Amino acid sequence: MFTTLAFHVEEDGGTVTGDFECFARVPESGTGSGSAAFTVNAMYVTGRITGAAVNGDAAILTGTATITGLGAGTNVPFSIVVHRGGSGTTVVLTTGALVFHEILVEGSIEVRRKEAD
Protein backbone atom coordinates (compact mmCIF):
# COMPACT_ATOMS: atom_id res chain seq x y z
CA MET A 1 0.00 0.00 0.00
CA PHE A 2 1.29 3.46 -0.89
CA THR A 3 -0.25 6.32 1.08
CA THR A 4 -0.27 10.07 0.52
CA LEU A 5 -1.28 12.18 3.49
CA ALA A 6 -1.66 15.86 4.22
CA PHE A 7 -2.87 17.76 7.25
CA HIS A 8 -2.81 21.14 8.86
CA VAL A 9 -4.03 22.01 12.33
CA GLU A 10 -4.03 25.15 14.45
CA GLU A 11 -5.20 26.10 17.91
CA ASP A 12 -6.54 29.57 18.58
CA GLY A 13 -8.12 30.59 21.85
CA GLY A 14 -8.56 26.99 22.92
CA THR A 15 -10.29 25.97 19.68
CA VAL A 16 -8.59 23.39 17.46
CA THR A 17 -9.30 23.50 13.73
CA GLY A 18 -7.75 21.66 10.85
CA ASP A 19 -8.11 19.35 7.90
CA PHE A 20 -6.82 15.86 7.16
CA GLU A 21 -6.54 13.92 3.89
CA CYS A 22 -5.23 10.41 3.37
CA PHE A 23 -5.23 8.56 0.05
CA ALA A 24 -4.10 4.91 0.00
CA ARG A 25 -3.37 3.05 -3.23
CA VAL A 26 -2.59 -0.60 -3.88
CA PRO A 27 -1.07 -2.32 -6.94
CA GLU A 28 -3.22 -3.33 -9.90
CA SER A 29 -2.22 -6.97 -9.25
CA GLY A 30 -0.24 -8.97 -6.70
CA THR A 31 2.26 -10.27 -9.24
CA GLY A 32 3.45 -9.51 -12.75
CA SER A 33 3.64 -6.21 -14.59
CA GLY A 34 0.86 -4.54 -12.60
CA SER A 35 2.39 -5.33 -9.22
CA ALA A 36 4.43 -2.10 -9.16
CA ALA A 37 1.64 0.19 -10.37
CA PHE A 38 -0.02 1.64 -7.26
CA THR A 39 -3.13 2.89 -9.04
CA VAL A 40 -6.10 1.23 -7.32
CA ASN A 41 -7.90 3.34 -4.70
CA ALA A 42 -7.91 1.31 -1.47
CA MET A 43 -9.05 4.09 0.85
CA TYR A 44 -9.63 7.82 0.87
CA VAL A 45 -10.10 9.70 4.14
CA THR A 46 -11.07 13.36 4.26
CA GLY A 47 -11.92 14.94 7.56
CA ARG A 48 -11.91 17.79 10.04
CA ILE A 49 -9.45 17.87 12.91
CA THR A 50 -11.15 19.08 16.08
CA GLY A 51 -8.72 17.95 18.79
CA ALA A 52 -4.97 18.02 19.31
CA ALA A 53 -2.59 17.08 22.10
CA VAL A 54 1.12 17.86 21.78
CA ASN A 55 3.69 15.92 23.77
CA GLY A 56 7.27 16.86 22.90
CA ASP A 57 7.95 15.93 19.27
CA ALA A 58 4.62 14.12 18.84
CA ALA A 59 0.99 15.10 18.46
CA ILE A 60 -2.26 13.18 18.60
CA LEU A 61 -4.86 14.68 16.27
CA THR A 62 -8.52 13.66 16.40
CA GLY A 63 -11.67 14.36 14.45
CA THR A 64 -14.28 12.84 12.15
CA ALA A 65 -14.00 11.91 8.49
CA THR A 66 -15.74 10.66 5.41
CA ILE A 67 -14.05 7.48 4.21
CA THR A 68 -14.36 5.58 0.93
CA GLY A 69 -12.86 2.13 0.40
CA LEU A 70 -11.50 0.37 3.50
CA GLY A 71 -13.56 1.37 6.55
CA ALA A 72 -16.05 3.36 4.45
CA GLY A 73 -18.51 5.62 6.22
CA THR A 74 -19.41 9.16 7.17
CA ASN A 75 -18.66 10.93 10.45
CA VAL A 76 -16.14 8.19 11.26
CA PRO A 77 -13.99 9.10 14.27
CA PHE A 78 -10.26 9.04 13.55
CA SER A 79 -7.02 9.71 15.33
CA ILE A 80 -3.60 10.23 13.86
CA VAL A 81 -0.37 10.15 15.84
CA VAL A 82 2.39 12.12 14.12
CA HIS A 83 6.04 12.69 15.01
CA ARG A 84 8.24 15.59 14.00
CA GLY A 85 10.75 14.74 11.29
CA GLY A 86 11.38 13.87 7.68
CA SER A 87 11.96 10.56 5.89
CA GLY A 88 11.60 7.64 8.28
CA THR A 89 9.20 9.47 10.61
CA THR A 90 6.24 7.36 11.67
CA VAL A 91 2.52 8.10 11.52
CA VAL A 92 -0.26 5.93 12.92
CA LEU A 93 -3.81 6.44 11.62
CA THR A 94 -6.73 4.79 13.41
CA THR A 95 -10.21 4.84 11.83
CA GLY A 96 -12.79 2.76 13.64
CA ALA A 97 -11.30 -0.72 14.04
CA LEU A 98 -8.62 -0.20 11.36
CA VAL A 99 -5.06 0.84 12.27
CA PHE A 100 -2.52 1.90 9.64
CA HIS A 101 1.20 2.23 10.46
CA GLU A 102 2.88 4.56 7.99
CA ILE A 103 6.49 5.61 7.37
CA LEU A 104 7.14 8.97 5.75
CA VAL A 105 9.28 8.59 2.60
CA GLU A 106 9.22 12.23 1.52
CA GLY A 107 8.20 15.56 3.00
CA SER A 108 8.30 16.42 6.67
CA ILE A 109 6.13 16.94 9.71
CA GLU A 110 6.41 19.91 12.06
CA VAL A 111 5.08 19.73 15.61
CA ARG A 112 5.12 23.00 17.53
CA ARG A 113 3.42 24.33 20.60
CA LYS A 114 1.99 27.80 20.24
CA GLU A 115 3.98 30.31 22.23
CA ALA A 116 2.02 32.12 24.93
CA ASP A 117 0.90 35.62 23.90
C-alpha atoms as a PDB file:
ATOM      1  CA  MET A   1       0.000   0.000   0.000  1.00  0.00           C
ATOM      2  CA  PHE A   2       1.292   3.458  -0.894  1.00  0.00           C
ATOM      3  CA  THR A   3      -0.254   6.316   1.077  1.00  0.00           C
ATOM      4  CA  THR A   4      -0.273  10.072   0.520  1.00  0.00           C
ATOM      5  CA  LEU A   5      -1.279  12.185   3.488  1.00  0.00           C
ATOM      6  CA  ALA A   6      -1.660  15.862   4.221  1.00  0.00           C
ATOM      7  CA  PHE A   7      -2.873  17.759   7.249  1.00  0.00           C
ATOM      8  CA  HIS A   8      -2.812  21.143   8.856  1.00  0.00           C
ATOM      9  CA  VAL A   9      -4.026  22.011  12.332  1.00  0.00           C
ATOM     10  CA  GLU A  10      -4.032  25.150  14.445  1.00  0.00           C
ATOM     11  CA  GLU A  11      -5.197  26.104  17.914  1.00  0.00           C
ATOM     12  CA  ASP A  12      -6.536  29.572  18.580  1.00  0.00           C
ATOM     13  CA  GLY A  13      -8.122  30.594  21.850  1.00  0.00           C
ATOM     14  CA  GLY A  14      -8.556  26.989  22.923  1.00  0.00           C
ATOM     15  CA  THR A  15     -10.292  25.974  19.685  1.00  0.00           C
ATOM     16  CA  VAL A  16      -8.590  23.390  17.462  1.00  0.00           C
ATOM     17  CA  THR A  17      -9.296  23.495  13.733  1.00  0.00           C
ATOM     18  CA  GLY A  18      -7.751  21.657  10.849  1.00  0.00           C
ATOM     19  CA  ASP A  19      -8.109  19.351   7.900  1.00  0.00           C
ATOM     20  CA  PHE A  20      -6.822  15.856   7.159  1.00  0.00           C
ATOM     21  CA  GLU A  21      -6.536  13.922   3.890  1.00  0.00           C
ATOM     22  CA  CYS A  22      -5.225  10.408   3.370  1.00  0.00           C
ATOM     23  CA  PHE A  23      -5.233   8.557   0.047  1.00  0.00           C
ATOM     24  CA  ALA A  24      -4.098   4.906   0.005  1.00  0.00           C
ATOM     25  CA  ARG A  25      -3.372   3.054  -3.227  1.00  0.00           C
ATOM     26  CA  VAL A  26      -2.588  -0.597  -3.875  1.00  0.00           C
ATOM     27  CA  PRO A  27      -1.068  -2.324  -6.940  1.00  0.00           C
ATOM     28  CA  GLU A  28      -3.221  -3.334  -9.898  1.00  0.00           C
ATOM     29  CA  SER A  29      -2.224  -6.967  -9.248  1.00  0.00           C
ATOM     30  CA  GLY A  30      -0.241  -8.968  -6.704  1.00  0.00           C
ATOM     31  CA  THR A  31       2.263 -10.272  -9.245  1.00  0.00           C
ATOM     32  CA  GLY A  32       3.452  -9.508 -12.751  1.00  0.00           C
ATOM     33  CA  SER A  33       3.644  -6.211 -14.591  1.00  0.00           C
ATOM     34  CA  GLY A  34       0.858  -4.541 -12.604  1.00  0.00           C
ATOM     35  CA  SER A  35       2.392  -5.328  -9.217  1.00  0.00           C
ATOM     36  CA  ALA A  36       4.429  -2.102  -9.164  1.00  0.00           C
ATOM     37  CA  ALA A  37       1.639   0.187 -10.369  1.00  0.00           C
ATOM     38  CA  PHE A  38      -0.021   1.635  -7.260  1.00  0.00           C
ATOM     39  CA  THR A  39      -3.133   2.890  -9.041  1.00  0.00           C
ATOM     40  CA  VAL A  40      -6.096   1.230  -7.322  1.00  0.00           C
ATOM     41  CA  ASN A  41      -7.897   3.342  -4.695  1.00  0.00           C
ATOM     42  CA  ALA A  42      -7.911   1.307  -1.473  1.00  0.00           C
ATOM     43  CA  MET A  43      -9.050   4.085   0.852  1.00  0.00           C
ATOM     44  CA  TYR A  44      -9.633   7.820   0.866  1.00  0.00           C
ATOM     45  CA  VAL A  45     -10.096   9.696   4.140  1.00  0.00           C
ATOM     46  CA  THR A  46     -11.073  13.357   4.265  1.00  0.00           C
ATOM     47  CA  GLY A  47     -11.917  14.937   7.560  1.00  0.00           C
ATOM     48  CA  ARG A  48     -11.908  17.786  10.037  1.00  0.00           C
ATOM     49  CA  ILE A  49      -9.450  17.873  12.911  1.00  0.00           C
ATOM     50  CA  THR A  50     -11.147  19.077  16.084  1.00  0.00           C
ATOM     51  CA  GLY A  51      -8.723  17.949  18.788  1.00  0.00           C
ATOM     52  CA  ALA A  52      -4.968  18.020  19.305  1.00  0.00           C
ATOM     53  CA  ALA A  53      -2.594  17.085  22.097  1.00  0.00           C
ATOM     54  CA  VAL A  54       1.119  17.865  21.776  1.00  0.00           C
ATOM     55  CA  ASN A  55       3.688  15.919  23.770  1.00  0.00           C
ATOM     56  CA  GLY A  56       7.272  16.862  22.898  1.00  0.00           C
ATOM     57  CA  ASP A  57       7.952  15.933  19.269  1.00  0.00           C
ATOM     58  CA  ALA A  58       4.625  14.120  18.842  1.00  0.00           C
ATOM     59  CA  ALA A  59       0.992  15.099  18.463  1.00  0.00           C
ATOM     60  CA  ILE A  60      -2.263  13.179  18.599  1.00  0.00           C
ATOM     61  CA  LEU A  61      -4.860  14.679  16.265  1.00  0.00           C
ATOM     62  CA  THR A  62      -8.524  13.656  16.402  1.00  0.00           C
ATOM     63  CA  GLY A  63     -11.673  14.360  14.445  1.00  0.00           C
ATOM     64  CA  THR A  64     -14.283  12.842  12.150  1.00  0.00           C
ATOM     65  CA  ALA A  65     -13.997  11.915   8.495  1.00  0.00           C
ATOM     66  CA  THR A  66     -15.736  10.660   5.411  1.00  0.00           C
ATOM     67  CA  ILE A  67     -14.046   7.478   4.205  1.00  0.00           C
ATOM     68  CA  THR A  68     -14.357   5.576   0.932  1.00  0.00           C
ATOM     69  CA  GLY A  69     -12.855   2.130   0.396  1.00  0.00           C
ATOM     70  CA  LEU A  70     -11.505   0.367   3.502  1.00  0.00           C
ATOM     71  CA  GLY A  71     -13.557   1.372   6.552  1.00  0.00           C
ATOM     72  CA  ALA A  72     -16.047   3.363   4.446  1.00  0.00           C
ATOM     73  CA  GLY A  73     -18.506   5.616   6.222  1.00  0.00           C
ATOM     74  CA  THR A  74     -19.410   9.162   7.169  1.00  0.00           C
ATOM     75  CA  ASN A  75     -18.661  10.930  10.446  1.00  0.00           C
ATOM     76  CA  VAL A  76     -16.143   8.189  11.262  1.00  0.00           C
ATOM     77  CA  PRO A  77     -13.991   9.095  14.272  1.00  0.00           C
ATOM     78  CA  PHE A  78     -10.262   9.041  13.551  1.00  0.00           C
ATOM     79  CA  SER A  79      -7.018   9.712  15.329  1.00  0.00           C
ATOM     80  CA  ILE A  80      -3.595  10.229  13.862  1.00  0.00           C
ATOM     81  CA  VAL A  81      -0.373  10.150  15.836  1.00  0.00           C
ATOM     82  CA  VAL A  82       2.387  12.119  14.125  1.00  0.00           C
ATOM     83  CA  HIS A  83       6.038  12.691  15.013  1.00  0.00           C
ATOM     84  CA  ARG A  84       8.239  15.591  14.002  1.00  0.00           C
ATOM     85  CA  GLY A  85      10.747  14.742  11.295  1.00  0.00           C
ATOM     86  CA  GLY A  86      11.382  13.865   7.683  1.00  0.00           C
ATOM     87  CA  SER A  87      11.957  10.560   5.894  1.00  0.00           C
ATOM     88  CA  GLY A  88      11.598   7.644   8.281  1.00  0.00           C
ATOM     89  CA  THR A  89       9.203   9.474  10.607  1.00  0.00           C
ATOM     90  CA  THR A  90       6.238   7.361  11.665  1.00  0.00           C
ATOM     91  CA  VAL A  91       2.524   8.100  11.518  1.00  0.00           C
ATOM     92  CA  VAL A  92      -0.265   5.926  12.921  1.00  0.00           C
ATOM     93  CA  LEU A  93      -3.808   6.437  11.616  1.00  0.00           C
ATOM     94  CA  THR A  94      -6.726   4.791  13.412  1.00  0.00           C
ATOM     95  CA  THR A  95     -10.205   4.836  11.829  1.00  0.00           C
ATOM     96  CA  GLY A  96     -12.792   2.761  13.641  1.00  0.00           C
ATOM     97  CA  ALA A  97     -11.298  -0.719  14.044  1.00  0.00           C
ATOM     98  CA  LEU A  98      -8.623  -0.198  11.362  1.00  0.00           C
ATOM     99  CA  VAL A  99      -5.060   0.839  12.270  1.00  0.00           C
ATOM    100  CA  PHE A 100      -2.518   1.901   9.638  1.00  0.00           C
ATOM    101  CA  HIS A 101       1.195   2.228  10.465  1.00  0.00           C
ATOM    102  CA  GLU A 102       2.877   4.557   7.987  1.00  0.00           C
ATOM    103  CA  ILE A 103       6.486   5.613   7.372  1.00  0.00           C
ATOM    104  CA  LEU A 104       7.136   8.971   5.746  1.00  0.00           C
ATOM    105  CA  VAL A 105       9.277   8.588   2.603  1.00  0.00           C
ATOM    106  CA  GLU A 106       9.218  12.235   1.521  1.00  0.00           C
ATOM    107  CA  GLY A 107       8.196  15.558   2.999  1.00  0.00           C
ATOM    108  CA  SER A 108       8.300  16.415   6.671  1.00  0.00           C
ATOM    109  CA  ILE A 109       6.133  16.944   9.714  1.00  0.00           C
ATOM    110  CA  GLU A 110       6.408  19.912  12.058  1.00  0.00           C
ATOM    111  CA  VAL A 111       5.077  19.725  15.606  1.00  0.00           C
ATOM    112  CA  ARG A 112       5.116  22.998  17.534  1.00  0.00           C
ATOM    113  CA  ARG A 113       3.423  24.333  20.596  1.00  0.00           C
ATOM    114  CA  LYS A 114       1.990  27.799  20.236  1.00  0.00           C
ATOM    115  CA  GLU A 115       3.980  30.306  22.233  1.00  0.00           C
ATOM    116  CA  ALA A 116       2.022  32.121  24.929  1.00  0.00           C
ATOM    117  CA  ASP A 117       0.897  35.620  23.904  1.00  0.00           C
END
